[in-house]
Amino acid sequence: MTGKTAGKTGKLFGAAALSAAVLIGTAACGNTGAGDQNLDSGQEAKTIIYGKAAGPYTVLFEEAIVPILEREGYTLESVEFSDLLQNDIALNEGEIDVNVEQHTAYMEDFNKSQGGDLAALTPIPTVPAGIFSATHDSLEELEKGAQIAVPNDASNTARAYVLLEKAGWISLEEDAELSVVTQDDIAENPYNLEFTELDSTLIPQALEDFDYAVITGSIVYNAGIDPSTALLQEDIAEHLLLQVVVKEENRDAAWAEAIVDAYHSDEFKTYLEENNDGLWYVP
């Protein structure tokens, strides 16, 4: 593992500006908290409850988007989750209103496997996945039979094999659907690479056990890996862009539109220009 992200990303990875309340139990039913009251009527400010995760996307939301929404009269409250699956379950059940922790491919897989009804509203800045190594300094040091670690959840497994094809290490079937490729879609493996699919959160701590590993952006951040040490970064496909995600029935809610507008605002653009430092891919 190499250097810490602190200092490289400056303000973005400092302490979050928001002191968010962590709700438990029914948490006042998230979807009713963000109703359609008129902010100019003097009524109590509307509340948006978001799923909070340890990673760059919630940090960006809290430091750059929350202040915009607060000035528009919204109150932001958070519920913390240890993993994205539980975050999405709470969102689907109406316990929270929104999260900003997943790309379209993951959301669609959740909807299919969990009978979910989630909708993506707009792409947001994304940290690319990359190939990292604790034992090699370049892709050219690849040897036959090398051990490669890749994430084991469906959408990120697919992006890993696409990235390995970009590196020139494998070739995928010509007609393969890139958003869902698996090892079975590998047409050529000239280096006889051996792939181990692991829980993505476990890959950084196991990095020294492999020659190379594909690590997604949020995991890079959480593990304190300097993203500039990636030996190769992915070209982010549309289905891998992070999204503002809500329950389908809230797609057109005023508060949901306010979140989208905040991500498209000049203020947010200025924030990124001052704090990006090459970390974020901005759609």
Protein backbone atom coordinates (compact mmCIF):
# COMPACT_ATOMS: atom_id res chain seq x y z
CA MET A 1 0.00 0.00 0.00
CA THR A 2 1.27 3.44 -0.71
CA GLY A 3 0.69 6.99 0.52
CA LYS A 4 -2.34 8.47 2.23
CA THR A 5 -4.90 10.52 0.39
CA ALA A 6 -4.80 13.20 3.09
CA GLY A 7 -3.00 16.27 1.84
CA LYS A 8 -3.53 15.30 -1.80
CA THR A 9 -7.20 16.09 -1.87
CA GLY A 10 -7.14 18.96 0.60
CA LYS A 11 -10.42 20.30 1.83
CA LEU A 12 -12.46 17.49 0.28
CA PHE A 13 -11.07 14.88 2.63
CA GLY A 14 -11.04 17.03 5.74
CA ALA A 15 -13.60 16.72 8.48
CA ALA A 16 -17.08 16.89 7.02
CA ALA A 17 -18.69 20.28 7.44
CA LEU A 18 -22.02 18.78 8.37
CA SER A 19 -22.77 17.55 11.87
CA ALA A 20 -25.42 15.07 10.75
CA ALA A 21 -27.87 13.35 13.04
CA VAL A 22 -27.76 9.57 12.89
CA LEU A 23 -31.29 8.24 13.06
CA ILE A 24 -32.38 4.83 14.36
CA GLY A 25 -35.55 2.77 14.19
CA THR A 26 -38.20 4.15 11.90
CA ALA A 27 -36.38 7.50 11.69
CA ALA A 28 -39.52 9.51 11.08
CA CYS A 29 -40.12 7.73 7.75
CA GLY A 30 -37.63 9.29 5.33
CA ASN A 31 -40.02 9.82 2.45
CA THR A 32 -42.48 11.81 4.53
CA GLY A 33 -39.65 13.92 5.93
CA ALA A 34 -38.92 15.42 2.55
CA GLY A 35 -42.43 16.51 1.63
CA ASP A 36 -43.59 19.23 -0.72
CA GLN A 37 -43.97 22.12 1.70
CA ASN A 38 -43.49 25.63 0.38
CA LEU A 39 -40.17 26.91 1.70
CA ASP A 40 -41.27 30.52 1.30
CA SER A 41 -44.41 30.12 3.40
CA GLY A 42 -42.61 30.21 6.74
CA GLN A 43 -43.34 26.55 7.43
CA GLU A 44 -40.77 24.26 9.03
CA ALA A 45 -37.85 23.44 6.73
CA LYS A 46 -38.04 20.19 4.81
CA THR A 47 -35.88 17.25 5.84
CA ILE A 48 -33.89 15.01 3.52
CA ILE A 49 -32.56 11.78 5.03
CA TYR A 50 -29.56 10.32 3.24
CA GLY A 51 -27.69 7.03 3.56
CA LYS A 52 -24.19 7.73 4.81
CA ALA A 53 -21.18 5.56 3.99
CA ALA A 54 -17.48 5.75 4.78
CA GLY A 55 -16.09 6.91 1.48
CA PRO A 56 -15.43 9.83 -0.85
CA TYR A 57 -18.95 10.14 -2.25
CA THR A 58 -20.65 10.90 1.06
CA VAL A 59 -17.78 13.24 1.95
CA LEU A 60 -18.29 15.13 -1.30
CA PHE A 61 -22.05 15.25 -0.70
CA GLU A 62 -21.62 16.59 2.83
CA GLU A 63 -18.95 19.15 2.05
CA ALA A 64 -20.26 20.51 -1.25
CA ILE A 65 -23.93 19.59 -1.75
CA VAL A 66 -25.37 19.82 1.77
CA PRO A 67 -24.47 23.51 2.21
CA ILE A 68 -26.28 24.35 -1.02
CA LEU A 69 -29.40 22.48 0.09
CA GLU A 70 -29.31 24.01 3.57
CA ARG A 71 -29.32 27.50 2.11
CA GLU A 72 -32.44 26.50 0.18
CA GLY A 73 -34.15 25.66 3.47
CA TYR A 74 -33.62 21.92 3.68
CA THR A 75 -32.52 20.07 6.80
CA LEU A 76 -30.19 17.15 6.11
CA GLU A 77 -30.03 14.11 8.38
CA SER A 78 -28.07 10.90 7.92
CA VAL A 79 -28.29 7.22 8.70
CA GLU A 80 -24.95 5.37 8.69
CA PHE A 81 -24.53 1.99 6.99
CA SER A 82 -21.61 -0.41 6.99
CA ASP A 83 -22.28 -1.61 3.44
CA LEU A 84 -24.10 -0.53 0.32
CA LEU A 85 -26.55 -3.44 0.33
CA GLN A 86 -28.04 -2.37 3.67
CA ASN A 87 -28.02 1.24 2.48
CA ASP A 88 -30.08 0.24 -0.57
CA ILE A 89 -32.47 -1.93 1.43
CA ALA A 90 -33.23 1.04 3.70
CA LEU A 91 -33.71 3.26 0.65
CA ASN A 92 -36.03 0.77 -0.98
CA GLU A 93 -38.07 0.44 2.22
CA GLY A 94 -38.45 4.21 2.61
CA GLU A 95 -36.32 4.55 5.75
CA ILE A 96 -34.06 7.04 3.95
CA ASP A 97 -34.65 9.30 0.96
CA VAL A 98 -31.45 9.16 -1.08
CA ASN A 99 -27.92 7.82 -1.36
CA VAL A 100 -24.97 8.76 -3.58
CA GLU A 101 -22.86 5.62 -3.25
CA GLN A 102 -23.56 3.47 -6.33
CA HIS A 103 -23.39 3.34 -10.08
CA THR A 104 -26.21 2.30 -12.40
CA ALA A 105 -24.88 -1.24 -12.83
CA TYR A 106 -24.96 -1.88 -9.08
CA MET A 107 -28.43 -0.33 -8.74
CA GLU A 108 -29.85 -2.42 -11.56
CA ASP A 109 -28.36 -5.56 -10.04
CA PHE A 110 -29.96 -4.64 -6.69
CA ASN A 111 -33.34 -4.06 -8.31
CA LYS A 112 -33.12 -7.43 -10.04
CA SER A 113 -31.80 -9.51 -7.14
CA GLN A 114 -33.71 -7.80 -4.32
CA GLY A 115 -36.94 -6.87 -6.08
CA GLY A 116 -36.02 -3.22 -5.66
CA ASP A 117 -37.61 -0.11 -7.10
CA LEU A 118 -34.70 2.34 -7.16
CA ALA A 119 -34.11 5.01 -9.78
CA ALA A 120 -30.95 6.89 -10.82
CA LEU A 121 -31.45 10.64 -11.24
CA THR A 122 -28.15 12.03 -12.49
CA PRO A 123 -24.50 10.99 -12.83
CA ILE A 124 -22.12 12.57 -10.32
CA PRO A 125 -18.32 12.74 -9.95
CA THR A 126 -16.73 9.32 -9.77
CA VAL A 127 -13.34 7.99 -8.65
CA PRO A 128 -12.13 5.49 -11.28
CA ALA A 129 -11.14 1.92 -10.52
CA GLY A 130 -7.49 1.10 -11.09
CA ILE A 131 -4.88 -1.63 -11.20
CA PHE A 132 -2.61 -1.52 -8.14
CA SER A 133 0.32 -3.58 -6.93
CA ALA A 134 2.35 -3.82 -3.75
CA THR A 135 5.16 -5.70 -5.49
CA HIS A 136 5.39 -4.31 -9.03
CA ASP A 137 6.06 -0.80 -10.30
CA SER A 138 4.57 -1.14 -13.78
CA LEU A 139 2.25 -3.21 -15.93
CA GLU A 140 5.26 -4.35 -17.97
CA GLU A 141 6.47 -6.48 -15.06
CA LEU A 142 3.58 -8.90 -15.58
CA GLU A 143 4.72 -12.52 -15.77
CA LYS A 144 2.92 -15.65 -16.88
CA GLY A 145 0.78 -17.21 -14.20
CA ALA A 146 0.49 -13.96 -12.26
CA GLN A 147 -2.10 -13.84 -9.49
CA ILE A 148 -4.75 -11.14 -9.99
CA ALA A 149 -7.36 -10.08 -7.42
CA VAL A 150 -10.67 -8.65 -8.64
CA PRO A 151 -13.89 -7.62 -6.82
CA ASN A 152 -16.50 -10.37 -6.50
CA ASP A 153 -19.75 -8.38 -6.82
CA ALA A 154 -21.21 -8.71 -10.29
CA SER A 155 -20.98 -5.13 -11.57
CA ASN A 156 -17.45 -4.51 -10.29
CA THR A 157 -16.26 -7.93 -11.40
CA ALA A 158 -17.27 -6.96 -14.93
CA ARG A 159 -15.50 -3.60 -14.79
CA ALA A 160 -12.36 -5.35 -13.54
CA TYR A 161 -12.17 -7.67 -16.54
CA VAL A 162 -12.83 -4.75 -18.88
CA LEU A 163 -9.93 -2.89 -17.25
CA LEU A 164 -7.67 -5.95 -17.58
CA GLU A 165 -8.54 -6.04 -21.28
CA LYS A 166 -7.57 -2.36 -21.52
CA ALA A 167 -4.21 -3.33 -20.00
CA GLY A 168 -3.77 -5.83 -22.85
CA TRP A 169 -3.62 -8.80 -20.49
CA ILE A 170 -6.78 -10.57 -21.67
CA SER A 171 -9.25 -10.39 -24.54
CA LEU A 172 -12.99 -10.63 -24.03
CA GLU A 173 -15.47 -12.25 -26.38
CA GLU A 174 -16.27 -9.87 -29.20
CA ASP A 175 -20.01 -9.89 -28.53
CA ALA A 176 -19.79 -9.80 -24.72
CA GLU A 177 -21.96 -7.29 -22.86
CA LEU A 178 -19.32 -5.31 -20.99
CA SER A 179 -21.52 -4.43 -18.03
CA VAL A 180 -21.98 -8.08 -17.07
CA VAL A 181 -18.87 -9.94 -18.27
CA THR A 182 -17.43 -12.74 -16.15
CA GLN A 183 -14.43 -15.05 -16.42
CA ASP A 184 -16.49 -17.13 -18.86
CA ASP A 185 -16.35 -14.20 -21.31
CA ILE A 186 -12.55 -14.22 -21.49
CA ALA A 187 -11.63 -15.30 -25.00
CA GLU A 188 -7.85 -15.13 -24.67
CA ASN A 189 -5.61 -15.27 -21.59
CA PRO A 190 -2.11 -15.39 -23.12
CA TYR A 191 -0.35 -14.92 -19.77
CA ASN A 192 -2.35 -17.70 -18.10
CA LEU A 193 -3.35 -15.26 -15.38
CA GLU A 194 -5.03 -16.69 -12.30
CA PHE A 195 -7.96 -14.65 -11.02
CA THR A 196 -9.25 -14.58 -7.46
CA GLU A 197 -12.57 -12.84 -6.89
CA LEU A 198 -12.76 -11.31 -3.41
CA ASP A 199 -15.00 -9.01 -1.43
CA SER A 200 -13.78 -5.61 -2.64
CA THR A 201 -13.26 -4.37 0.93
CA LEU A 202 -10.74 -7.16 1.55
CA ILE A 203 -8.55 -6.58 -1.49
CA PRO A 204 -6.36 -3.74 -0.11
CA GLN A 205 -5.31 -5.72 2.96
CA ALA A 206 -4.55 -8.74 0.77
CA LEU A 207 -2.67 -6.73 -1.87
CA GLU A 208 0.73 -8.21 -1.00
CA ASP A 209 -0.64 -11.70 -1.62
CA PHE A 210 -1.22 -10.90 -5.30
CA ASP A 211 0.86 -9.62 -8.16
CA TYR A 212 -1.81 -7.10 -9.14
CA ALA A 213 -5.31 -6.17 -8.05
CA VAL A 214 -8.22 -4.17 -9.41
CA ILE A 215 -9.53 -1.81 -6.72
CA THR A 216 -12.56 0.46 -7.09
CA GLY A 217 -12.43 4.16 -6.25
CA SER A 218 -14.32 4.16 -2.96
CA ILE A 219 -12.22 1.26 -1.67
CA VAL A 220 -9.03 3.08 -2.70
CA TYR A 221 -10.17 6.04 -0.61
CA ASN A 222 -11.25 3.99 2.41
CA ALA A 223 -7.96 2.06 2.43
CA GLY A 224 -5.90 5.25 2.34
CA ILE A 225 -4.26 4.35 -0.96
CA ASP A 226 -2.91 7.24 -3.02
CA PRO A 227 -4.99 7.07 -6.24
CA SER A 228 -2.04 8.45 -8.21
CA THR A 229 -0.23 5.13 -7.61
CA ALA A 230 -2.66 3.29 -9.88
CA LEU A 231 -0.70 1.63 -12.68
CA LEU A 232 -3.70 1.99 -14.97
CA GLN A 233 -7.14 3.57 -14.50
CA GLU A 234 -10.34 2.54 -16.20
CA ASP A 235 -12.18 4.50 -18.87
CA ILE A 236 -15.42 5.00 -16.98
CA ALA A 237 -18.36 3.66 -18.97
CA GLU A 238 -21.76 5.28 -18.55
CA HIS A 239 -23.14 2.44 -16.43
CA LEU A 240 -20.24 2.87 -13.96
CA LEU A 241 -20.80 6.56 -13.24
CA LEU A 242 -21.93 7.20 -9.68
CA GLN A 243 -25.53 8.34 -9.37
CA VAL A 244 -27.96 10.17 -7.13
CA VAL A 245 -30.37 7.31 -6.33
CA VAL A 246 -33.90 7.51 -4.88
CA LYS A 247 -36.96 5.30 -4.74
CA GLU A 248 -38.79 5.39 -8.07
CA GLU A 249 -41.88 7.05 -6.55
CA ASN A 250 -39.71 10.00 -5.45
CA ARG A 251 -38.09 10.61 -8.83
CA ASP A 252 -40.02 13.86 -9.41
CA ALA A 253 -40.17 15.10 -5.81
CA ALA A 254 -39.14 18.72 -5.31
CA TRP A 255 -36.37 17.73 -2.87
CA ALA A 256 -34.97 15.19 -5.35
CA GLU A 257 -34.87 17.85 -8.06
CA ALA A 258 -33.12 20.17 -5.59
CA ILE A 259 -30.35 17.59 -5.08
CA VAL A 260 -29.91 17.19 -8.83
CA ASP A 261 -29.81 20.97 -9.30
CA ALA A 262 -27.15 21.27 -6.59
CA TYR A 263 -24.88 18.80 -8.41
CA HIS A 264 -25.33 20.83 -11.60
CA SER A 265 -24.87 24.23 -9.96
CA ASP A 266 -22.09 26.72 -10.63
CA GLU A 267 -21.22 26.59 -6.93
CA PHE A 268 -20.55 22.87 -7.09
CA LYS A 269 -18.52 23.30 -10.28
CA THR A 270 -16.38 25.90 -8.54
CA TYR A 271 -15.92 23.60 -5.54
CA LEU A 272 -14.61 20.81 -7.77
CA GLU A 273 -12.26 23.16 -9.59
CA GLU A 274 -10.75 24.15 -6.26
CA ASN A 275 -10.64 20.68 -4.64
CA ASN A 276 -10.40 18.02 -7.33
CA ASP A 277 -6.62 17.72 -7.79
CA GLY A 278 -7.11 14.94 -10.33
CA LEU A 279 -9.03 12.56 -8.06
CA TRP A 280 -12.48 12.84 -9.61
CA TYR A 281 -13.78 11.99 -13.04
CA VAL A 282 -16.49 14.59 -13.64
CA PRO A 283 -19.26 13.60 -16.11
